[in-house]
Amino acid sequence: MGNYRFKLEFEVRDYECDLSGIVNNAVYQNYLEHTRHAFLKSRGIDFAELEKRGITLVVIRIEMDFLFPLKSGDKFFVGLNPERVSRLRFGFQQDIYRLPDEKPILAAKVIGTALNERGRPRLPEQLMEQIASGLGMDGRKNI
């Protein structure tokens, strides 16, 4: 388990589980997305304000490795580390651990970009600076 720039705790709700009694695979994306949004909000990034300026944040790739299932009532946290992937892309390494034993549940890599009003990739430097406030001075993960 690494050091994370941002963590958010959750508890599995009954309706998030499938007939097998484990969290449905699609629900994990909700946990990851909610954590990314909370992280961005903590960095002063307001989705509505960006939209007014013609900037839309989008996910373009997600890789998820399912390591162990969560069940109803399980408590867990999502850890997040941001990284700059390229001039036009940013990424989030996100991991889920069950509490209190910190058993690894899921490892994910999410890649995003920003689009301008014409739908073309455009990542304003100020926006990247806000996202990267959890990065080292060289723009790489500082774990």
N, C-alpha and C. Protein backbone atom coordinates (compact mmCIF):
# COMPACT_ATOMS: atom_id res chain seq x y z
N MET A 1 0.84 -1.17 0.00
CA MET A 1 0.00 0.00 0.00
C MET A 1 0.88 1.23 0.00
N GLY A 2 0.70 2.10 -0.97
CA GLY A 2 1.54 3.28 -1.10
C GLY A 2 1.00 4.48 -0.35
N ASN A 3 1.76 5.56 -0.43
CA ASN A 3 1.30 6.83 0.11
C ASN A 3 0.45 7.50 -0.96
N TYR A 4 -0.67 8.07 -0.56
CA TYR A 4 -1.59 8.67 -1.52
C TYR A 4 -1.74 10.16 -1.25
N ARG A 5 -1.88 10.92 -2.32
CA ARG A 5 -2.11 12.36 -2.22
C ARG A 5 -3.54 12.64 -1.75
N PHE A 6 -4.43 11.67 -1.95
CA PHE A 6 -5.82 11.86 -1.58
C PHE A 6 -6.43 10.51 -1.26
N LYS A 7 -7.25 10.45 -0.22
CA LYS A 7 -7.97 9.23 0.16
C LYS A 7 -9.41 9.58 0.49
N LEU A 8 -10.31 8.64 0.19
CA LEU A 8 -11.71 8.82 0.51
C LEU A 8 -12.26 7.48 0.98
N GLU A 9 -12.96 7.49 2.11
CA GLU A 9 -13.53 6.26 2.67
C GLU A 9 -14.98 6.08 2.26
N PHE A 10 -15.39 4.81 2.13
CA PHE A 10 -16.73 4.42 1.72
C PHE A 10 -17.18 3.23 2.56
N GLU A 11 -18.46 2.90 2.42
CA GLU A 11 -19.02 1.65 2.94
C GLU A 11 -19.93 1.08 1.86
N VAL A 12 -19.80 -0.22 1.58
CA VAL A 12 -20.61 -0.86 0.54
C VAL A 12 -22.07 -0.91 1.00
N ARG A 13 -22.95 -0.49 0.09
CA ARG A 13 -24.39 -0.53 0.35
C ARG A 13 -24.98 -1.78 -0.31
N ASP A 14 -26.05 -2.30 0.29
CA ASP A 14 -26.66 -3.55 -0.20
C ASP A 14 -26.95 -3.53 -1.69
N TYR A 15 -27.52 -2.42 -2.18
CA TYR A 15 -27.96 -2.37 -3.57
C TYR A 15 -26.80 -2.33 -4.57
N GLU A 16 -25.56 -2.21 -4.08
CA GLU A 16 -24.40 -2.21 -4.98
C GLU A 16 -23.91 -3.63 -5.28
N CYS A 17 -24.54 -4.61 -4.64
CA CYS A 17 -24.09 -6.00 -4.79
C CYS A 17 -24.97 -6.75 -5.80
N ASP A 18 -24.36 -7.74 -6.43
CA ASP A 18 -25.09 -8.56 -7.39
C ASP A 18 -25.67 -9.80 -6.68
N LEU A 19 -26.21 -10.72 -7.45
CA LEU A 19 -26.84 -11.91 -6.87
C LEU A 19 -25.85 -12.80 -6.11
N SER A 20 -24.57 -12.65 -6.40
CA SER A 20 -23.55 -13.43 -5.69
C SER A 20 -23.20 -12.81 -4.34
N GLY A 21 -23.74 -11.63 -4.06
CA GLY A 21 -23.48 -10.97 -2.79
C GLY A 21 -22.19 -10.16 -2.76
N ILE A 22 -21.62 -9.92 -3.94
CA ILE A 22 -20.41 -9.11 -4.03
C ILE A 22 -20.70 -7.85 -4.84
N VAL A 23 -19.85 -6.84 -4.66
CA VAL A 23 -20.04 -5.59 -5.39
C VAL A 23 -19.95 -5.85 -6.90
N ASN A 24 -20.95 -5.36 -7.62
CA ASN A 24 -20.98 -5.49 -9.07
C ASN A 24 -19.78 -4.76 -9.67
N ASN A 25 -19.18 -5.33 -10.69
CA ASN A 25 -17.95 -4.75 -11.26
C ASN A 25 -18.12 -3.31 -11.73
N ALA A 26 -19.28 -2.94 -12.23
CA ALA A 26 -19.50 -1.58 -12.71
C ALA A 26 -19.53 -0.56 -11.57
N VAL A 27 -19.89 -0.99 -10.38
CA VAL A 27 -19.98 -0.08 -9.23
C VAL A 27 -18.60 0.45 -8.85
N TYR A 28 -17.56 -0.33 -9.07
CA TYR A 28 -16.21 0.13 -8.74
C TYR A 28 -15.86 1.42 -9.49
N GLN A 29 -16.37 1.54 -10.72
CA GLN A 29 -16.10 2.78 -11.47
C GLN A 29 -16.76 3.98 -10.80
N ASN A 30 -17.92 3.77 -10.16
CA ASN A 30 -18.56 4.86 -9.41
C ASN A 30 -17.68 5.28 -8.24
N TYR A 31 -17.12 4.32 -7.51
CA TYR A 31 -16.24 4.65 -6.39
C TYR A 31 -15.03 5.46 -6.88
N LEU A 32 -14.44 5.01 -7.98
CA LEU A 32 -13.26 5.69 -8.52
C LEU A 32 -13.62 7.10 -8.98
N GLU A 33 -14.74 7.24 -9.69
CA GLU A 33 -15.15 8.55 -10.19
C GLU A 33 -15.45 9.51 -9.05
N HIS A 34 -16.18 9.04 -8.05
CA HIS A 34 -16.51 9.92 -6.92
C HIS A 34 -15.23 10.41 -6.25
N THR A 35 -14.25 9.53 -6.12
CA THR A 35 -12.97 9.92 -5.50
C THR A 35 -12.24 10.94 -6.37
N ARG A 36 -12.21 10.74 -7.69
CA ARG A 36 -11.56 11.73 -8.57
C ARG A 36 -12.23 13.08 -8.46
N HIS A 37 -13.55 13.09 -8.46
CA HIS A 37 -14.28 14.36 -8.37
C HIS A 37 -14.01 15.06 -7.04
N ALA A 38 -13.98 14.29 -5.94
CA ALA A 38 -13.68 14.89 -4.63
C ALA A 38 -12.26 15.44 -4.61
N PHE A 39 -11.31 14.71 -5.23
CA PHE A 39 -9.93 15.19 -5.31
C PHE A 39 -9.86 16.50 -6.08
N LEU A 40 -10.48 16.54 -7.26
CA LEU A 40 -10.45 17.75 -8.09
C LEU A 40 -11.10 18.92 -7.36
N LYS A 41 -12.21 18.67 -6.69
CA LYS A 41 -12.87 19.72 -5.92
C LYS A 41 -11.93 20.24 -4.82
N SER A 42 -11.18 19.33 -4.18
CA SER A 42 -10.25 19.74 -3.13
C SER A 42 -9.11 20.60 -3.68
N ARG A 43 -8.89 20.54 -4.99
CA ARG A 43 -7.86 21.35 -5.65
C ARG A 43 -8.44 22.61 -6.28
N GLY A 44 -9.71 22.89 -5.99
CA GLY A 44 -10.34 24.11 -6.50
C GLY A 44 -10.84 24.01 -7.93
N ILE A 45 -10.99 22.80 -8.44
CA ILE A 45 -11.47 22.61 -9.81
C ILE A 45 -12.98 22.41 -9.77
N ASP A 46 -13.70 23.31 -10.42
CA ASP A 46 -15.16 23.33 -10.43
C ASP A 46 -15.62 22.96 -11.85
N PHE A 47 -16.28 21.81 -11.97
CA PHE A 47 -16.71 21.34 -13.29
C PHE A 47 -17.64 22.34 -13.98
N ALA A 48 -18.58 22.92 -13.23
CA ALA A 48 -19.53 23.87 -13.83
C ALA A 48 -18.80 25.11 -14.35
N GLU A 49 -17.82 25.60 -13.59
CA GLU A 49 -17.05 26.77 -14.03
C GLU A 49 -16.23 26.44 -15.27
N LEU A 50 -15.63 25.26 -15.32
CA LEU A 50 -14.88 24.86 -16.51
C LEU A 50 -15.78 24.82 -17.74
N GLU A 51 -16.98 24.26 -17.58
CA GLU A 51 -17.93 24.19 -18.70
C GLU A 51 -18.28 25.58 -19.21
N LYS A 52 -18.46 26.54 -18.30
CA LYS A 52 -18.75 27.92 -18.70
C LYS A 52 -17.62 28.49 -19.53
N ARG A 53 -16.39 28.04 -19.26
CA ARG A 53 -15.22 28.50 -20.01
C ARG A 53 -14.97 27.66 -21.26
N GLY A 54 -15.87 26.68 -21.54
CA GLY A 54 -15.72 25.86 -22.74
C GLY A 54 -14.73 24.72 -22.58
N ILE A 55 -14.47 24.29 -21.35
CA ILE A 55 -13.52 23.20 -21.09
C ILE A 55 -14.27 22.04 -20.46
N THR A 56 -14.16 20.88 -21.07
CA THR A 56 -14.82 19.68 -20.58
C THR A 56 -13.76 18.64 -20.23
N LEU A 57 -13.77 18.17 -18.97
CA LEU A 57 -12.86 17.09 -18.57
C LEU A 57 -13.49 15.76 -18.94
N VAL A 58 -12.71 14.89 -19.57
CA VAL A 58 -13.22 13.59 -19.99
C VAL A 58 -12.21 12.49 -19.67
N VAL A 59 -12.75 11.30 -19.41
CA VAL A 59 -11.94 10.10 -19.24
C VAL A 59 -11.79 9.47 -20.62
N ILE A 60 -10.56 9.10 -20.98
CA ILE A 60 -10.36 8.48 -22.29
C ILE A 60 -9.88 7.03 -22.20
N ARG A 61 -9.48 6.62 -20.98
CA ARG A 61 -9.03 5.23 -20.82
C ARG A 61 -9.09 4.85 -19.35
N ILE A 62 -9.54 3.62 -19.09
CA ILE A 62 -9.53 3.07 -17.74
C ILE A 62 -9.02 1.63 -17.80
N GLU A 63 -8.07 1.32 -16.96
CA GLU A 63 -7.60 -0.06 -16.77
C GLU A 63 -7.87 -0.42 -15.32
N MET A 64 -8.55 -1.56 -15.10
CA MET A 64 -8.85 -1.97 -13.73
C MET A 64 -8.46 -3.43 -13.54
N ASP A 65 -7.75 -3.70 -12.47
CA ASP A 65 -7.42 -5.07 -12.07
C ASP A 65 -8.20 -5.38 -10.81
N PHE A 66 -9.12 -6.33 -10.91
CA PHE A 66 -9.93 -6.75 -9.77
C PHE A 66 -9.16 -7.81 -9.00
N LEU A 67 -8.84 -7.50 -7.74
CA LEU A 67 -7.98 -8.38 -6.95
C LEU A 67 -8.75 -9.22 -5.94
N PHE A 68 -9.81 -8.67 -5.37
CA PHE A 68 -10.60 -9.37 -4.34
C PHE A 68 -11.93 -8.65 -4.23
N PRO A 69 -13.05 -9.38 -4.03
CA PRO A 69 -14.35 -8.71 -4.00
C PRO A 69 -14.68 -8.07 -2.66
N LEU A 70 -15.45 -6.99 -2.75
CA LEU A 70 -16.06 -6.39 -1.57
C LEU A 70 -17.47 -6.92 -1.41
N LYS A 71 -17.97 -6.94 -0.17
CA LYS A 71 -19.33 -7.41 0.13
C LYS A 71 -20.08 -6.31 0.88
N SER A 72 -21.39 -6.47 0.94
CA SER A 72 -22.23 -5.49 1.62
C SER A 72 -21.74 -5.23 3.04
N GLY A 73 -21.67 -3.95 3.38
CA GLY A 73 -21.22 -3.57 4.71
C GLY A 73 -19.73 -3.38 4.85
N ASP A 74 -18.94 -3.86 3.87
CA ASP A 74 -17.49 -3.67 3.95
C ASP A 74 -17.16 -2.19 3.92
N LYS A 75 -16.21 -1.80 4.73
CA LYS A 75 -15.67 -0.45 4.70
C LYS A 75 -14.37 -0.50 3.90
N PHE A 76 -14.09 0.58 3.18
CA PHE A 76 -12.90 0.60 2.34
C PHE A 76 -12.52 2.03 2.04
N PHE A 77 -11.32 2.20 1.49
CA PHE A 77 -10.94 3.52 1.01
C PHE A 77 -10.38 3.42 -0.39
N VAL A 78 -10.50 4.53 -1.11
CA VAL A 78 -9.89 4.67 -2.43
C VAL A 78 -8.74 5.65 -2.27
N GLY A 79 -7.53 5.22 -2.62
CA GLY A 79 -6.36 6.08 -2.63
C GLY A 79 -6.11 6.57 -4.04
N LEU A 80 -5.64 7.81 -4.17
CA LEU A 80 -5.45 8.43 -5.49
C LEU A 80 -4.12 9.17 -5.53
N ASN A 81 -3.40 8.97 -6.61
CA ASN A 81 -2.22 9.76 -6.93
C ASN A 81 -2.36 10.28 -8.36
N PRO A 82 -2.23 11.60 -8.56
CA PRO A 82 -2.29 12.15 -9.91
C PRO A 82 -0.92 12.07 -10.59
N GLU A 83 -0.94 12.10 -11.91
CA GLU A 83 0.31 12.18 -12.66
C GLU A 83 0.05 12.83 -14.01
N ARG A 84 1.06 13.47 -14.50
CA ARG A 84 0.97 14.02 -15.86
C ARG A 84 1.44 12.92 -16.80
N VAL A 85 0.62 12.59 -17.78
CA VAL A 85 0.93 11.51 -18.71
C VAL A 85 1.62 12.06 -19.96
N SER A 86 1.13 13.19 -20.45
CA SER A 86 1.71 13.84 -21.63
C SER A 86 1.28 15.31 -21.62
N ARG A 87 1.61 16.01 -22.67
CA ARG A 87 1.25 17.42 -22.76
C ARG A 87 -0.26 17.64 -22.68
N LEU A 88 -1.04 16.67 -23.19
CA LEU A 88 -2.49 16.82 -23.24
C LEU A 88 -3.25 15.83 -22.36
N ARG A 89 -2.53 15.01 -21.61
CA ARG A 89 -3.20 13.98 -20.80
C ARG A 89 -2.70 13.98 -19.37
N PHE A 90 -3.61 13.70 -18.46
CA PHE A 90 -3.28 13.52 -17.06
C PHE A 90 -3.82 12.16 -16.63
N GLY A 91 -3.27 11.63 -15.57
CA GLY A 91 -3.69 10.31 -15.11
C GLY A 91 -3.90 10.26 -13.62
N PHE A 92 -4.61 9.23 -13.21
CA PHE A 92 -4.83 8.97 -11.79
C PHE A 92 -4.56 7.50 -11.53
N GLN A 93 -3.63 7.22 -10.64
CA GLN A 93 -3.47 5.86 -10.14
C GLN A 93 -4.40 5.75 -8.95
N GLN A 94 -5.34 4.82 -9.01
CA GLN A 94 -6.32 4.68 -7.94
C GLN A 94 -6.34 3.24 -7.46
N ASP A 95 -6.32 3.07 -6.15
CA ASP A 95 -6.33 1.75 -5.55
C ASP A 95 -7.41 1.70 -4.48
N ILE A 96 -8.03 0.53 -4.36
CA ILE A 96 -9.04 0.33 -3.31
C ILE A 96 -8.52 -0.71 -2.34
N TYR A 97 -8.66 -0.39 -1.04
CA TYR A 97 -8.26 -1.29 0.04
C TYR A 97 -9.42 -1.43 1.02
N ARG A 98 -9.69 -2.68 1.42
CA ARG A 98 -10.71 -2.93 2.44
C ARG A 98 -10.17 -2.50 3.80
N LEU A 99 -11.06 -2.04 4.64
CA LEU A 99 -10.70 -1.66 6.01
C LEU A 99 -11.36 -2.63 6.99
N PRO A 100 -10.78 -2.93 8.10
CA PRO A 100 -9.56 -2.32 8.63
C PRO A 100 -8.29 -3.08 8.25
N ASP A 101 -8.41 -4.22 7.55
CA ASP A 101 -7.22 -5.05 7.30
C ASP A 101 -6.36 -4.59 6.13
N GLU A 102 -6.82 -3.58 5.39
CA GLU A 102 -6.10 -3.00 4.25
C GLU A 102 -5.78 -4.04 3.17
N LYS A 103 -6.72 -4.96 2.97
CA LYS A 103 -6.59 -5.95 1.91
C LYS A 103 -6.77 -5.27 0.55
N PRO A 104 -5.84 -5.48 -0.39
CA PRO A 104 -5.99 -4.89 -1.72
C PRO A 104 -7.21 -5.46 -2.45
N ILE A 105 -8.03 -4.57 -2.98
CA ILE A 105 -9.27 -4.95 -3.66
C ILE A 105 -9.19 -4.69 -5.15
N LEU A 106 -8.67 -3.54 -5.54
CA LEU A 106 -8.66 -3.13 -6.94
C LEU A 106 -7.51 -2.17 -7.19
N ALA A 107 -6.90 -2.29 -8.36
CA ALA A 107 -5.88 -1.33 -8.82
C ALA A 107 -6.35 -0.78 -10.16
N ALA A 108 -6.34 0.54 -10.30
CA ALA A 108 -6.84 1.16 -11.53
C ALA A 108 -5.93 2.28 -12.00
N LYS A 109 -5.90 2.46 -13.30
CA LYS A 109 -5.21 3.58 -13.94
C LYS A 109 -6.25 4.26 -14.81
N VAL A 110 -6.47 5.56 -14.56
CA VAL A 110 -7.46 6.33 -15.31
C VAL A 110 -6.74 7.46 -16.01
N ILE A 111 -6.96 7.58 -17.32
CA ILE A 111 -6.33 8.63 -18.13
C ILE A 111 -7.43 9.58 -18.60
N GLY A 112 -7.15 10.88 -18.47
CA GLY A 112 -8.12 11.88 -18.91
C GLY A 112 -7.45 13.00 -19.67
N THR A 113 -8.29 13.84 -20.24
CA THR A 113 -7.84 15.05 -20.92
C THR A 113 -8.94 16.10 -20.78
N ALA A 114 -8.69 17.24 -21.33
CA ALA A 114 -9.70 18.31 -21.38
C ALA A 114 -9.97 18.61 -22.85
N LEU A 115 -11.23 18.87 -23.15
CA LEU A 115 -11.63 19.22 -24.51
C LEU A 115 -12.11 20.66 -24.54
N ASN A 116 -11.81 21.35 -25.66
CA ASN A 116 -12.32 22.71 -25.81
C ASN A 116 -13.74 22.66 -26.37
N GLU A 117 -14.31 23.83 -26.63
CA GLU A 117 -15.69 23.91 -27.10
C GLU A 117 -15.91 23.24 -28.45
N ARG A 118 -14.86 22.99 -29.21
CA ARG A 118 -14.96 22.29 -30.50
C ARG A 118 -14.69 20.79 -30.36
N GLY A 119 -14.48 20.31 -29.12
CA GLY A 119 -14.24 18.89 -28.89
C GLY A 119 -12.80 18.46 -29.15
N ARG A 120 -11.90 19.42 -29.24
CA ARG A 120 -10.49 19.14 -29.48
C ARG A 120 -9.74 19.12 -28.15
N PRO A 121 -8.75 18.23 -28.00
CA PRO A 121 -7.98 18.22 -26.75
C PRO A 121 -7.29 19.55 -26.50
N ARG A 122 -7.46 20.04 -25.28
CA ARG A 122 -6.81 21.29 -24.85
C ARG A 122 -6.70 21.23 -23.34
N LEU A 123 -5.48 21.20 -22.85
CA LEU A 123 -5.24 21.11 -21.41
C LEU A 123 -4.56 22.40 -20.95
N PRO A 124 -5.37 23.38 -20.50
CA PRO A 124 -4.77 24.64 -20.05
C PRO A 124 -3.76 24.40 -18.93
N GLU A 125 -2.66 25.11 -18.99
CA GLU A 125 -1.58 24.91 -18.01
C GLU A 125 -2.06 25.18 -16.58
N GLN A 126 -2.91 26.17 -16.40
CA GLN A 126 -3.42 26.48 -15.06
C GLN A 126 -4.20 25.28 -14.50
N LEU A 127 -4.98 24.63 -15.34
CA LEU A 127 -5.74 23.45 -14.92
C LEU A 127 -4.79 22.32 -14.54
N MET A 128 -3.77 22.10 -15.36
CA MET A 128 -2.81 21.04 -15.04
C MET A 128 -2.09 21.36 -13.74
N GLU A 129 -1.80 22.64 -13.49
CA GLU A 129 -1.14 23.01 -12.23
C GLU A 129 -2.03 22.67 -11.04
N GLN A 130 -3.35 22.89 -11.18
CA GLN A 130 -4.27 22.55 -10.09
C GLN A 130 -4.31 21.04 -9.86
N ILE A 131 -4.39 20.27 -10.94
CA ILE A 131 -4.39 18.81 -10.82
C ILE A 131 -3.07 18.35 -10.25
N ALA A 132 -1.99 18.95 -10.73
CA ALA A 132 -0.64 18.51 -10.36
C ALA A 132 -0.20 19.00 -9.00
N SER A 133 -1.06 19.68 -8.26
CA SER A 133 -0.62 20.16 -6.95
C SER A 133 -0.22 19.01 -6.04
N GLY A 134 -0.58 17.77 -6.42
CA GLY A 134 -0.14 16.61 -5.67
C GLY A 134 1.07 15.93 -6.28
N LEU A 135 1.70 16.57 -7.27
CA LEU A 135 2.86 15.99 -7.92
C LEU A 135 4.15 16.65 -7.44
N GLY A 136 5.24 16.01 -7.72
CA GLY A 136 6.55 16.60 -7.43
C GLY A 136 6.84 17.72 -8.41
N MET A 137 7.93 18.44 -8.18
CA MET A 137 8.27 19.59 -9.00
C MET A 137 8.49 19.24 -10.48
N ASP A 138 8.88 18.01 -10.75
CA ASP A 138 9.13 17.63 -12.14
C ASP A 138 7.88 17.15 -12.86
N GLY A 139 6.71 17.18 -12.19
CA GLY A 139 5.47 16.75 -12.83
C GLY A 139 5.25 15.26 -12.78
N ARG A 140 6.10 14.54 -12.06
CA ARG A 140 5.94 13.10 -11.93
C ARG A 140 5.37 12.77 -10.56
N LYS A 141 4.84 11.57 -10.45
CA LYS A 141 4.32 11.16 -9.15
C LYS A 141 5.39 11.26 -8.10
N ASN A 142 5.03 11.80 -6.99
CA ASN A 142 5.95 11.90 -5.86
C ASN A 142 5.37 11.07 -4.73
N ILE A 143 5.62 9.77 -4.76
CA ILE A 143 5.02 8.85 -3.81
C ILE A 143 5.95 8.59 -2.65
